[in-house]
PDB file of N, CA and C in Angstrom:
ATOM      1  N   ALA A   1     122.566 220.025 -30.559  1.00  0.00           N
ATOM      2  CA  ALA A   1     122.422 220.002 -31.797  1.00  0.00           C
ATOM      3  C   ALA A   1     121.247 220.778 -32.643  1.00  0.00           C
ATOM      4  N   ALA A   2     120.337 220.222 -31.806  1.00  0.00           N
ATOM      5  CA  ALA A   2     118.941 220.687 -32.053  1.00  0.00           C
ATOM      6  C   ALA A   2     118.765 222.087 -31.927  1.00  0.00           C
ATOM      7  N   THR A   3     119.780 222.949 -31.150  1.00  0.00           N
ATOM      8  CA  THR A   3     119.398 224.302 -31.208  1.00  0.00           C
ATOM      9  C   THR A   3     120.347 225.047 -32.048  1.00  0.00           C
ATOM     10  N   GLN A   4     121.206 224.430 -32.426  1.00  0.00           N
ATOM     11  CA  GLN A   4     122.990 225.033 -33.059  1.00  0.00           C
ATOM     12  C   GLN A   4     123.440 225.779 -32.369  1.00  0.00           C
ATOM     13  N   SER A   5     123.537 225.546 -31.148  1.00  0.00           N
ATOM     14  CA  SER A   5     124.393 226.472 -29.994  1.00  0.00           C
ATOM     15  C   SER A   5     125.718 225.946 -30.416  1.00  0.00           C
ATOM     16  N   GLU A   6     126.924 226.792 -30.069  1.00  0.00           N
ATOM     17  CA  GLU A   6     128.227 226.363 -30.319  1.00  0.00           C
ATOM     18  C   GLU A   6     128.577 226.046 -29.290  1.00  0.00           C
ATOM     19  N   ASP A   7     127.859 226.607 -27.596  1.00  0.00           N
ATOM     20  CA  ASP A   7     128.745 226.184 -26.154  1.00  0.00           C
ATOM     21  C   ASP A   7     127.276 226.236 -25.255  1.00  0.00           C
ATOM     22  N   VAL A   8     127.554 225.942 -24.111  1.00  0.00           N
ATOM     23  CA  VAL A   8     126.188 225.914 -23.240  1.00  0.00           C
ATOM     24  C   VAL A   8     126.021 227.274 -22.765  1.00  0.00           C
ATOM     25  N   LEU A   9     126.661 228.450 -22.952  1.00  0.00           N
ATOM     26  CA  LEU A   9     126.385 229.252 -22.869  1.00  0.00           C
ATOM     27  C   LEU A   9     125.491 230.242 -23.736  1.00  0.00           C
ATOM     28  N   GLU A  10     125.900 229.817 -24.901  1.00  0.00           N
ATOM     29  CA  GLU A  10     124.736 230.091 -25.944  1.00  0.00           C
ATOM     30  C   GLU A  10     123.480 229.289 -26.098  1.00  0.00           C
ATOM     31  N   LEU A  11     123.408 228.253 -25.452  1.00  0.00           N
ATOM     32  CA  LEU A  11     122.484 227.200 -25.386  1.00  0.00           C
ATOM     33  C   LEU A  11     121.523 228.066 -24.271  1.00  0.00           C
ATOM     34  N   ILE A  12     122.656 228.374 -22.947  1.00  0.00           N
ATOM     35  CA  ILE A  12     121.376 229.048 -22.018  1.00  0.00           C
ATOM     36  C   ILE A  12     120.843 230.307 -22.836  1.00  0.00           C
ATOM     37  N   GLY A  13     121.525 231.204 -23.158  1.00  0.00           N
ATOM     38  CA  GLY A  13     120.951 232.568 -23.820  1.00  0.00           C
ATOM     39  C   GLY A  13     119.823 232.213 -24.517  1.00  0.00           C
ATOM     40  N   ARG A  14     119.906 231.089 -25.791  1.00  0.00           N
ATOM     41  CA  ARG A  14     118.580 230.708 -26.566  1.00  0.00           C
ATOM     42  C   ARG A  14     117.425 230.832 -26.212  1.00  0.00           C
ATOM     43  N   MET A  15     117.917 229.352 -24.892  1.00  0.00           N
ATOM     44  CA  MET A  15     116.758 228.791 -24.458  1.00  0.00           C
ATOM     45  C   MET A  15     115.932 230.234 -23.469  1.00  0.00           C
ATOM     46  N   GLN A  16     116.853 231.075 -22.933  1.00  0.00           N
ATOM     47  CA  GLN A  16     116.025 232.007 -21.913  1.00  0.00           C
ATOM     48  C   GLN A  16     115.391 233.144 -22.847  1.00  0.00           C
ATOM     49  N   GLY A  17     115.525 233.302 -24.386  1.00  0.00           N
ATOM     50  CA  GLY A  17     114.696 234.018 -24.958  1.00  0.00           C
ATOM     51  C   GLY A  17     113.696 233.018 -26.075  1.00  0.00           C
ATOM     52  N   TYR A  18     113.573 232.033 -25.227  1.00  0.00           N
ATOM     53  CA  TYR A  18     112.349 231.350 -25.596  1.00  0.00           C
ATOM     54  C   TYR A  18     110.923 231.614 -24.953  1.00  0.00           C
ATOM     55  N   HIS A  19     109.650 232.656 -25.727  1.00  0.00           N
ATOM     56  CA  HIS A  19     108.644 232.602 -24.531  1.00  0.00           C
ATOM     57  C   HIS A  19     107.271 231.945 -24.871  1.00  0.00           C
ATOM     58  N   GLU A  20     107.369 231.493 -26.189  1.00  0.00           N
ATOM     59  CA  GLU A  20     106.375 230.737 -26.858  1.00  0.00           C
ATOM     60  C   GLU A  20     106.260 229.515 -26.622  1.00  0.00           C
ATOM     61  N   ALA A  21     105.192 228.969 -26.277  1.00  0.00           N
ATOM     62  CA  ALA A  21     105.240 226.992 -26.286  1.00  0.00           C
ATOM     63  C   ALA A  21     105.787 226.171 -27.417  1.00  0.00           C
ATOM     64  N   GLY A  22     105.610 226.684 -28.589  1.00  0.00           N
ATOM     65  CA  GLY A  22     105.847 226.370 -29.668  1.00  0.00           C
ATOM     66  C   GLY A  22     107.681 226.427 -30.000  1.00  0.00           C
ATOM     67  N   GLN A  23     107.924 227.134 -29.073  1.00  0.00           N
ATOM     68  CA  GLN A  23     109.569 226.922 -29.204  1.00  0.00           C
ATOM     69  C   GLN A  23     109.904 226.298 -28.571  1.00  0.00           C
ATOM     70  N   TRP A  24     109.545 225.571 -27.479  1.00  0.00           N
ATOM     71  CA  TRP A  24     109.704 224.974 -26.691  1.00  0.00           C
ATOM     72  C   TRP A  24     109.212 223.427 -27.384  1.00  0.00           C
ATOM     73  N   ALA A  25     108.031 223.761 -27.860  1.00  0.00           N
ATOM     74  CA  ALA A  25     107.541 221.980 -28.163  1.00  0.00           C
ATOM     75  C   ALA A  25     108.417 221.615 -29.222  1.00  0.00           C
ATOM     76  N   ALA A  26     109.326 222.282 -30.134  1.00  0.00           N
ATOM     77  CA  ALA A  26     109.872 222.045 -31.504  1.00  0.00           C
ATOM     78  C   ALA A  26     110.781 221.270 -30.829  1.00  0.00           C
ATOM     79  N   PHE A  27     111.534 221.046 -29.611  1.00  0.00           N
ATOM     80  CA  PHE A  27     112.094 220.238 -29.282  1.00  0.00           C
ATOM     81  C   PHE A  27     112.307 218.875 -28.544  1.00  0.00           C
ATOM     82  N   ALA A  28     110.707 218.466 -28.461  1.00  0.00           N
ATOM     83  CA  ALA A  28     110.474 217.784 -28.160  1.00  0.00           C
ATOM     84  C   ALA A  28     110.945 216.163 -28.874  1.00  0.00           C
ATOM     85  N   GLY A  29     110.896 216.124 -30.235  1.00  0.00           N
ATOM     86  CA  GLY A  29     111.487 215.257 -31.043  1.00  0.00           C
ATOM     87  C   GLY A  29     113.021 214.893 -30.350  1.00  0.00           C
ATOM     88  N   ALA A  30     114.077 215.894 -30.188  1.00  0.00           N
ATOM     89  CA  ALA A  30     114.969 215.645 -30.072  1.00  0.00           C
ATOM     90  C   ALA A  30     115.144 214.594 -28.492  1.00  0.00           C
ATOM     91  N   VAL A  31     114.155 215.394 -27.466  1.00  0.00           N
ATOM     92  CA  VAL A  31     114.485 214.936 -26.201  1.00  0.00           C
ATOM     93  C   VAL A  31     113.612 213.352 -26.580  1.00  0.00           C
ATOM     94  N   PHE A  32     112.835 213.106 -27.226  1.00  0.00           N
ATOM     95  CA  PHE A  32     112.152 211.747 -27.328  1.00  0.00           C
ATOM     96  C   PHE A  32     113.018 210.600 -28.099  1.00  0.00           C
ATOM     97  N   ASP A  33     114.231 211.287 -29.008  1.00  0.00           N
ATOM     98  CA  ASP A  33     115.107 210.743 -30.025  1.00  0.00           C
ATOM     99  C   ASP A  33     116.303 210.282 -28.716  1.00  0.00           C
ATOM    100  N   ALA A  34     116.261 210.805 -27.745  1.00  0.00           N
ATOM    101  CA  ALA A  34     117.777 210.485 -26.824  1.00  0.00           C
ATOM    102  C   ALA A  34     117.183 209.806 -25.425  1.00  0.00           C
ATOM    103  N   THR A  35     116.450 209.043 -25.618  1.00  0.00           N
ATOM    104  CA  THR A  35     115.475 208.098 -24.510  1.00  0.00           C
ATOM    105  C   THR A  35     116.771 207.277 -24.013  1.00  0.00           C
ATOM    106  N   GLU A  36     117.888 207.138 -24.284  1.00  0.00           N
ATOM    107  CA  GLU A  36     118.885 206.276 -24.131  1.00  0.00           C
ATOM    108  C   GLU A  36     119.846 207.755 -22.705  1.00  0.00           C
ATOM    109  N   ASP A  37     119.508 208.755 -23.013  1.00  0.00           N
ATOM    110  CA  ASP A  37     120.043 209.294 -22.139  1.00  0.00           C
ATOM    111  C   ASP A  37     119.122 209.889 -20.966  1.00  0.00           C
ATOM    112  N   PRO A  38     120.164 209.086 -19.423  1.00  0.00           N
ATOM    113  CA  PRO A  38     119.078 209.328 -18.594  1.00  0.00           C
ATOM    114  C   PRO A  38     118.140 211.057 -18.006  1.00  0.00           C
ATOM    115  N   GLY A  39     118.842 211.808 -18.592  1.00  0.00           N
ATOM    116  CA  GLY A  39     118.427 213.328 -18.412  1.00  0.00           C
ATOM    117  C   GLY A  39     116.912 213.538 -19.190  1.00  0.00           C
ATOM    118  N   ALA A  40     117.082 212.573 -20.420  1.00  0.00           N
ATOM    119  CA  ALA A  40     116.302 212.891 -21.366  1.00  0.00           C
ATOM    120  C   ALA A  40     114.967 212.002 -20.921  1.00  0.00           C
ATOM    121  N   VAL A  41     115.543 210.831 -20.349  1.00  0.00           N
ATOM    122  CA  VAL A  41     114.124 210.143 -19.248  1.00  0.00           C
ATOM    123  C   VAL A  41     113.226 210.805 -18.411  1.00  0.00           C
ATOM    124  N   ARG A  42     114.229 211.242 -17.621  1.00  0.00           N
ATOM    125  CA  ARG A  42     113.515 212.189 -16.397  1.00  0.00           C
ATOM    126  C   ARG A  42     113.029 213.287 -17.120  1.00  0.00           C
ATOM    127  N   ILE A  43     113.232 213.609 -17.901  1.00  0.00           N
ATOM    128  CA  ILE A  43     112.197 214.981 -18.868  1.00  0.00           C
ATOM    129  C   ILE A  43     110.953 214.410 -19.287  1.00  0.00           C
ATOM    130  N   ILE A  44     110.754 213.267 -19.474  1.00  0.00           N
ATOM    131  CA  ILE A  44     109.820 212.686 -20.165  1.00  0.00           C
ATOM    132  C   ILE A  44     108.883 212.103 -18.920  1.00  0.00           C
ATOM    133  N   ASP A  45     109.343 211.503 -18.289  1.00  0.00           N
ATOM    134  CA  ASP A  45     108.716 210.556 -16.628  1.00  0.00           C
ATOM    135  C   ASP A  45     108.034 212.112 -16.097  1.00  0.00           C
ATOM    136  N   SER A  46     108.614 213.460 -15.924  1.00  0.00           N
ATOM    137  CA  SER A  46     108.408 214.551 -15.310  1.00  0.00           C
ATOM    138  C   SER A  46     107.070 215.036 -16.318  1.00  0.00           C
ATOM    139  N   ALA A  47     107.314 214.886 -17.325  1.00  0.00           N
ATOM    140  CA  ALA A  47     106.102 215.623 -18.156  1.00  0.00           C
ATOM    141  C   ALA A  47     105.146 214.665 -18.067  1.00  0.00           C
ATOM    142  N   ALA A  48     105.128 213.657 -17.798  1.00  0.00           N
ATOM    143  CA  ALA A  48     103.801 212.057 -18.160  1.00  0.00           C
ATOM    144  C   ALA A  48     103.202 212.572 -16.276  1.00  0.00           C
ATOM    145  N   GLN A  49     104.166 212.899 -15.464  1.00  0.00           N
ATOM    146  CA  GLN A  49     103.795 212.708 -14.132  1.00  0.00           C
ATOM    147  C   GLN A  49     103.036 214.275 -14.161  1.00  0.00           C
ATOM    148  N   SER A  50     102.978 215.513 -14.452  1.00  0.00           N
ATOM    149  CA  SER A  50     102.704 216.621 -14.559  1.00  0.00           C
ATOM    150  C   SER A  50     101.107 216.619 -15.685  1.00  0.00           C
ATOM    151  N   LEU A  51     101.071 215.714 -16.713  1.00  0.00           N
ATOM    152  CA  LEU A  51      99.852 215.496 -17.683  1.00  0.00           C
ATOM    153  C   LEU A  51      98.961 214.863 -16.596  1.00  0.00           C
ATOM    154  N   ALA A  52      99.505 213.500 -16.232  1.00  0.00           N
ATOM    155  CA  ALA A  52      98.386 212.877 -15.522  1.00  0.00           C
ATOM    156  C   ALA A  52      98.074 213.515 -14.173  1.00  0.00           C
ATOM    157  N   GLN A  53      98.715 214.156 -13.460  1.00  0.00           N
ATOM    158  CA  GLN A  53      98.392 215.042 -12.422  1.00  0.00           C
ATOM    159  C   GLN A  53      97.139 216.024 -12.854  1.00  0.00           C
ATOM    160  N   LEU A  54      97.464 216.911 -14.069  1.00  0.00           N
ATOM    161  CA  LEU A  54      96.291 217.451 -14.558  1.00  0.00           C
ATOM    162  C   LEU A  54      95.372 216.928 -15.233  1.00  0.00           C
ATOM    163  N   ALA A  55      95.217 216.134 -15.551  1.00  0.00           N
ATOM    164  CA  ALA A  55      94.298 215.147 -15.947  1.00  0.00           C
ATOM    165  C   ALA A  55      93.258 214.723 -14.877  1.00  0.00           C
ATOM    166  N   GLY A  56      94.186 214.096 -13.639  1.00  0.00           N
ATOM    167  CA  GLY A  56      93.047 213.739 -12.511  1.00  0.00           C
ATOM    168  C   GLY A  56      92.649 214.935 -12.135  1.00  0.00           C
ATOM    169  N   ARG A  57      92.951 216.252 -11.738  1.00  0.00           N
ATOM    170  CA  ARG A  57      92.738 217.188 -11.529  1.00  0.00           C
ATOM    171  C   ARG A  57      91.319 217.898 -12.302  1.00  0.00           C
ATOM    172  N   ALA A  58      91.601 218.147 -13.376  1.00  0.00           N
ATOM    173  CA  ALA A  58      90.341 218.573 -14.372  1.00  0.00           C
ATOM    174  C   ALA A  58      89.564 217.538 -14.289  1.00  0.00           C
ATOM    175  N   GLY A  59      89.189 216.137 -14.477  1.00  0.00           N
ATOM    176  CA  GLY A  59      88.720 215.290 -14.133  1.00  0.00           C
ATOM    177  C   GLY A  59      87.825 215.266 -12.691  1.00  0.00           C
ATOM    178  N   THR A  60      88.432 215.738 -11.501  1.00  0.00           N
ATOM    179  CA  THR A  60      87.811 216.123 -10.509  1.00  0.00           C
ATOM    180  C   THR A  60      87.032 216.816 -10.156  1.00  0.00           C
ATOM    181  N   LYS A  61      87.629 218.324 -11.411  1.00  0.00           N
ATOM    182  CA  LYS A  61      86.702 219.627 -11.414  1.00  0.00           C
ATOM    183  C   LYS A  61      85.629 219.157 -11.477  1.00  0.00           C
ATOM    184  N   VAL A  62      85.087 218.564 -12.930  1.00  0.00           N
ATOM    185  CA  VAL A  62      84.422 218.662 -13.502  1.00  0.00           C
ATOM    186  C   VAL A  62      83.214 217.496 -13.411  1.00  0.00           C
ATOM    187  N   GLY A  63      83.992 216.461 -12.288  1.00  0.00           N
ATOM    188  CA  GLY A  63      82.889 215.373 -11.718  1.00  0.00           C
ATOM    189  C   GLY A  63      83.038 214.235 -12.710  1.00  0.00           C
ATOM    190  N   VAL A  64      84.248 214.108 -13.637  1.00  0.00           N
ATOM    191  CA  VAL A  64      83.988 213.001 -14.634  1.00  0.00           C
ATOM    192  C   VAL A  64      84.156 211.886 -13.745  1.00  0.00           C
ATOM    193  N   LYS A  65      83.352 210.902 -14.257  1.00  0.00           N
ATOM    194  CA  LYS A  65      82.781 209.254 -13.074  1.00  0.00           C
ATOM    195  C   LYS A  65      83.828 208.238 -14.074  1.00  0.00           C
ATOM    196  N   GLY A  66      84.093 208.359 -15.631  1.00  0.00           N
ATOM    197  CA  GLY A  66      83.982 207.822 -16.440  1.00  0.00           C
ATOM    198  C   GLY A  66      85.765 207.467 -16.515  1.00  0.00           C
ATOM    199  N   PRO A  67      85.885 206.531 -18.125  1.00  0.00           N
ATOM    200  CA  PRO A  67      87.075 206.864 -18.282  1.00  0.00           C
ATOM    201  C   PRO A  67      87.350 208.015 -18.836  1.00  0.00           C
ATOM    202  N   VAL A  68      88.684 208.634 -18.783  1.00  0.00           N
ATOM    203  CA  VAL A  68      89.833 209.865 -19.119  1.00  0.00           C
ATOM    204  C   VAL A  68      90.229 209.332 -20.300  1.00  0.00           C
ATOM    205  N   VAL A  69      89.890 211.031 -21.465  1.00  0.00           N
ATOM    206  CA  VAL A  69      90.543 210.951 -22.359  1.00  0.00           C
ATOM    207  C   VAL A  69      91.639 211.993 -22.706  1.00  0.00           C
ATOM    208  N   ILE A  70      92.700 211.367 -23.112  1.00  0.00           N
ATOM    209  CA  ILE A  70      93.640 212.326 -23.195  1.00  0.00           C
ATOM    210  C   ILE A  70      94.140 212.717 -24.551  1.00  0.00           C
ATOM    211  N   ALA A  71      94.359 213.894 -24.717  1.00  0.00           N
ATOM    212  CA  ALA A  71      94.494 214.547 -26.135  1.00  0.00           C
ATOM    213  C   ALA A  71      96.038 215.005 -26.299  1.00  0.00           C
ATOM    214  N   GLY A  72      96.296 215.625 -27.499  1.00  0.00           N
ATOM    215  CA  GLY A  72      97.313 216.504 -27.641  1.00  0.00           C
ATOM    216  C   GLY A  72      98.128 216.019 -28.515  1.00  0.00           C
ATOM    217  N   GLY A  73      98.885 216.684 -29.450  1.00  0.00           N
ATOM    218  CA  GLY A  73     100.286 216.664 -30.393  1.00  0.00           C
ATOM    219  C   GLY A  73     101.292 215.697 -29.554  1.00  0.00           C
ATOM    220  N   LEU A  74     101.499 215.716 -28.628  1.00  0.00           N
ATOM    221  CA  LEU A  74     102.810 215.584 -28.138  1.00  0.00           C
ATOM    222  C   LEU A  74     101.869 213.849 -27.806  1.00  0.00           C
ATOM    223  N   LEU A  75     101.156 213.493 -27.057  1.00  0.00           N
ATOM    224  CA  LEU A  75     100.294 212.267 -26.770  1.00  0.00           C
ATOM    225  C   LEU A  75     100.308 211.462 -28.209  1.00  0.00           C
ATOM    226  N   THR A  76      99.749 211.760 -29.283  1.00  0.00           N
ATOM    227  CA  THR A  76      99.709 211.419 -30.418  1.00  0.00           C
ATOM    228  C   THR A  76     100.755 211.091 -31.238  1.00  0.00           C
ATOM    229  N   ASN A  77     101.841 212.039 -30.865  1.00  0.00           N
ATOM    230  CA  ASN A  77     102.747 211.668 -32.022  1.00  0.00           C
ATOM    231  C   ASN A  77     104.013 211.241 -31.043  1.00  0.00           C
ATOM    232  N   PHE A  78     104.054 211.089 -29.653  1.00  0.00           N
ATOM    233  CA  PHE A  78     104.791 210.291 -28.882  1.00  0.00           C
ATOM    234  C   PHE A  78     104.551 209.493 -28.111  1.00  0.00           C
ATOM    235  N   PRO A  79     104.019 208.144 -28.431  1.00  0.00           N
ATOM    236  CA  PRO A  79     103.330 206.877 -27.935  1.00  0.00           C
ATOM    237  C   PRO A  79     103.961 206.502 -26.322  1.00  0.00           C
ATOM    238  N   ASP A  80     105.500 207.007 -26.631  1.00  0.00           N
ATOM    239  CA  ASP A  80     106.160 206.710 -25.290  1.00  0.00           C
ATOM    240  C   ASP A  80     105.638 207.583 -24.130  1.00  0.00           C
ATOM    241  N   LEU A  81     105.519 208.802 -24.256  1.00  0.00           N
ATOM    242  CA  LEU A  81     104.760 209.791 -23.266  1.00  0.00           C
ATOM    243  C   LEU A  81     103.243 209.354 -22.994  1.00  0.00           C
ATOM    244  N   ALA A  82     102.375 208.841 -24.155  1.00  0.00           N
ATOM    245  CA  ALA A  82     100.982 208.618 -23.841  1.00  0.00           C
ATOM    246  C   ALA A  82     101.118 207.192 -22.959  1.00  0.00           C
ATOM    247  N   SER A  83     101.576 206.198 -23.142  1.00  0.00           N
ATOM    248  CA  SER A  83     101.958 205.013 -22.192  1.00  0.00           C
ATOM    249  C   SER A  83     102.219 205.538 -20.637  1.00  0.00           C
ATOM    250  N   ARG A  84     103.131 206.193 -20.702  1.00  0.00           N
ATOM    251  CA  ARG A  84     103.379 206.666 -19.516  1.00  0.00           C
ATOM    252  C   ARG A  84     102.732 207.615 -18.358  1.00  0.00           C
ATOM    253  N   VAL A  85     101.873 208.416 -19.370  1.00  0.00           N
ATOM    254  CA  VAL A  85     100.808 209.151 -18.810  1.00  0.00           C
ATOM    255  C   VAL A  85      99.411 208.089 -18.245  1.00  0.00           C
ATOM    256  N   GLN A  86      99.222 206.967 -19.204  1.00  0.00           N
ATOM    257  CA  GLN A  86      98.161 206.010 -19.133  1.00  0.00           C
ATOM    258  C   GLN A  86      98.720 205.286 -17.715  1.00  0.00           C
ATOM    259  N   ALA A  87     100.024 204.868 -17.914  1.00  0.00           N
ATOM    260  CA  ALA A  87      99.977 204.357 -16.361  1.00  0.00           C
ATOM    261  C   ALA A  87     100.232 204.835 -15.231  1.00  0.00           C
ATOM    262  N   ARG A  88     100.080 206.236 -15.393  1.00  0.00           N
ATOM    263  CA  ARG A  88      99.921 207.024 -14.042  1.00  0.00           C
ATOM    264  C   ARG A  88      98.513 207.292 -13.730  1.00  0.00           C
ATOM    265  N   VAL A  89      97.628 207.294 -14.879  1.00  0.00           N
ATOM    266  CA  VAL A  89      95.891 207.947 -14.807  1.00  0.00           C
ATOM    267  C   VAL A  89      95.135 206.560 -14.774  1.00  0.00           C
ATOM    268  N   GLY A  90      95.923 205.310 -15.178  1.00  0.00           N
ATOM    269  CA  GLY A  90      94.891 204.385 -15.192  1.00  0.00           C
ATOM    270  C   GLY A  90      93.841 203.852 -16.018  1.00  0.00           C
ATOM    271  N   SER A  91      92.773 204.492 -16.153  1.00  0.00           N
ATOM    272  CA  SER A  91      91.614 204.547 -17.642  1.00  0.00           C
ATOM    273  C   SER A  91      91.939 205.316 -18.453  1.00  0.00           C
ATOM    274  N   ALA A  92      92.913 205.899 -18.867  1.00  0.00           N
ATOM    275  CA  ALA A  92      93.249 207.347 -19.906  1.00  0.00           C
ATOM    276  C   ALA A  92      93.427 206.380 -20.840  1.00  0.00           C
ATOM    277  N   THR A  93      92.783 206.743 -21.708  1.00  0.00           N
ATOM    278  CA  THR A  93      92.539 206.386 -23.880  1.00  0.00           C
ATOM    279  C   THR A  93      92.903 207.770 -24.685  1.00  0.00           C
ATOM    280  N   VAL A  94      93.943 207.785 -25.164  1.00  0.00           N
ATOM    281  CA  VAL A  94      94.339 208.783 -26.109  1.00  0.00           C
ATOM    282  C   VAL A  94      93.317 208.987 -27.059  1.00  0.00           C
ATOM    283  N   LEU A  95      93.038 209.801 -27.190  1.00  0.00           N
ATOM    284  CA  LEU A  95      92.044 210.365 -28.224  1.00  0.00           C
ATOM    285  C   LEU A  95      92.660 210.180 -29.734  1.00  0.00           C
ATOM    286  N   GLU A  96      92.427 209.469 -30.529  1.00  0.00           N
ATOM    287  CA  GLU A  96      93.094 209.291 -32.170  1.00  0.00           C
ATOM    288  C   GLU A  96      92.643 209.884 -33.014  1.00  0.00           C
ATOM    289  N   GLU A  97      91.192 210.889 -33.200  1.00  0.00           N
ATOM    290  CA  GLU A  97      91.294 212.049 -34.266  1.00  0.00           C
ATOM    291  C   GLU A  97      91.127 213.145 -33.389  1.00  0.00           C
ATOM    292  N   GLU A  98      91.057 214.177 -34.326  1.00  0.00           N
ATOM    293  CA  GLU A  98      90.962 215.438 -34.128  1.00  0.00           C
ATOM    294  C   GLU A  98      90.295 215.905 -33.028  1.00  0.00           C
ATOM    295  N   PRO A  99      90.184 216.715 -32.015  1.00  0.00           N
ATOM    296  CA  PRO A  99      89.316 216.921 -30.953  1.00  0.00           C
ATOM    297  C   PRO A  99      88.046 217.531 -31.717  1.00  0.00           C
ATOM    298  N   VAL A 100      87.964 218.445 -33.015  1.00  0.00           N
ATOM    299  CA  VAL A 100      86.813 219.038 -33.237  1.00  0.00           C
ATOM    300  C   VAL A 100      85.825 218.131 -33.985  1.00  0.00           C
ATOM    301  N   ALA A 101      86.375 216.760 -33.967  1.00  0.00           N
ATOM    302  CA  ALA A 101      85.755 215.781 -34.503  1.00  0.00           C
ATOM    303  C   ALA A 101      84.377 215.959 -33.323  1.00  0.00           C
ATOM    304  N   GLY A 102      84.799 215.692 -32.217  1.00  0.00           N
ATOM    305  CA  GLY A 102      83.627 215.695 -31.397  1.00  0.00           C
ATOM    306  C   GLY A 102      82.748 216.777 -31.529  1.00  0.00           C
ATOM    307  N   ALA A 103      83.274 218.085 -31.588  1.00  0.00           N
ATOM    308  CA  ALA A 103      82.398 219.100 -31.639  1.00  0.00           C
ATOM    309  C   ALA A 103      81.317 219.449 -32.776  1.00  0.00           C
ATOM    310  N   VAL A 104      81.560 218.627 -33.894  1.00  0.00           N
ATOM    311  CA  VAL A 104      81.260 218.458 -35.242  1.00  0.00           C
ATOM    312  C   VAL A 104      79.806 217.551 -35.108  1.00  0.00           C
ATOM    313  N   ARG A 105      80.427 216.815 -34.057  1.00  0.00           N
ATOM    314  CA  ARG A 105      79.192 215.351 -34.064  1.00  0.00           C
ATOM    315  C   ARG A 105      78.100 215.806 -32.856  1.00  0.00           C
ATOM    316  N   LEU A 106      78.840 216.680 -31.964  1.00  0.00           N
ATOM    317  CA  LEU A 106      77.522 217.619 -31.068  1.00  0.00           C
ATOM    318  C   LEU A 106      76.677 218.723 -31.678  1.00  0.00           C
ATOM    319  N   ALA A 107      77.281 219.122 -32.672  1.00  0.00           N
ATOM    320  CA  ALA A 107      76.700 220.184 -33.290  1.00  0.00           C
ATOM    321  C   ALA A 107      75.718 219.879 -34.333  1.00  0.00           C
ATOM    322  N   GLU A 108      76.225 218.249 -35.078  1.00  0.00           N
ATOM    323  CA  GLU A 108      75.117 217.663 -35.907  1.00  0.00           C
ATOM    324  C   GLU A 108      73.719 217.060 -34.834  1.00  0.00           C
ATOM    325  N   SER A 109      73.861 216.571 -33.973  1.00  0.00           N
ATOM    326  CA  SER A 109      73.074 216.133 -32.861  1.00  0.00           C
ATOM    327  C   SER A 109      72.025 217.402 -32.408  1.00  0.00           C
ATOM    328  N   LEU A 110      72.358 218.600 -32.935  1.00  0.00           N
ATOM    329  CA  LEU A 110      71.525 219.516 -32.314  1.00  0.00           C
ATOM    330  C   LEU A 110      70.205 219.503 -32.984  1.00  0.00           C
TER     331      LEU A 110
END
């Protein structure tokens, strides 16, 4: 229903035509609204696992020793995803304000 496709073949054709992240992200709400569907739960779990691994690798690469802060529209708008990422990362905190606020504070301190 979210893609307004008549059948599976039309759905496949539409999805193959999406090349921008925003086009795919537009369907996030439909996935989170379908949490009673095992397929949707697998998608959410897979996303949480991927984000947790990315956060871990990024933290290791830059030498972060303290708590991990995770940010982004999916994490702030879909608490279920954020909690699944936090469960995998451990000490992760979801950034509640716009990331630019930190940049402004840093600039003000110069």
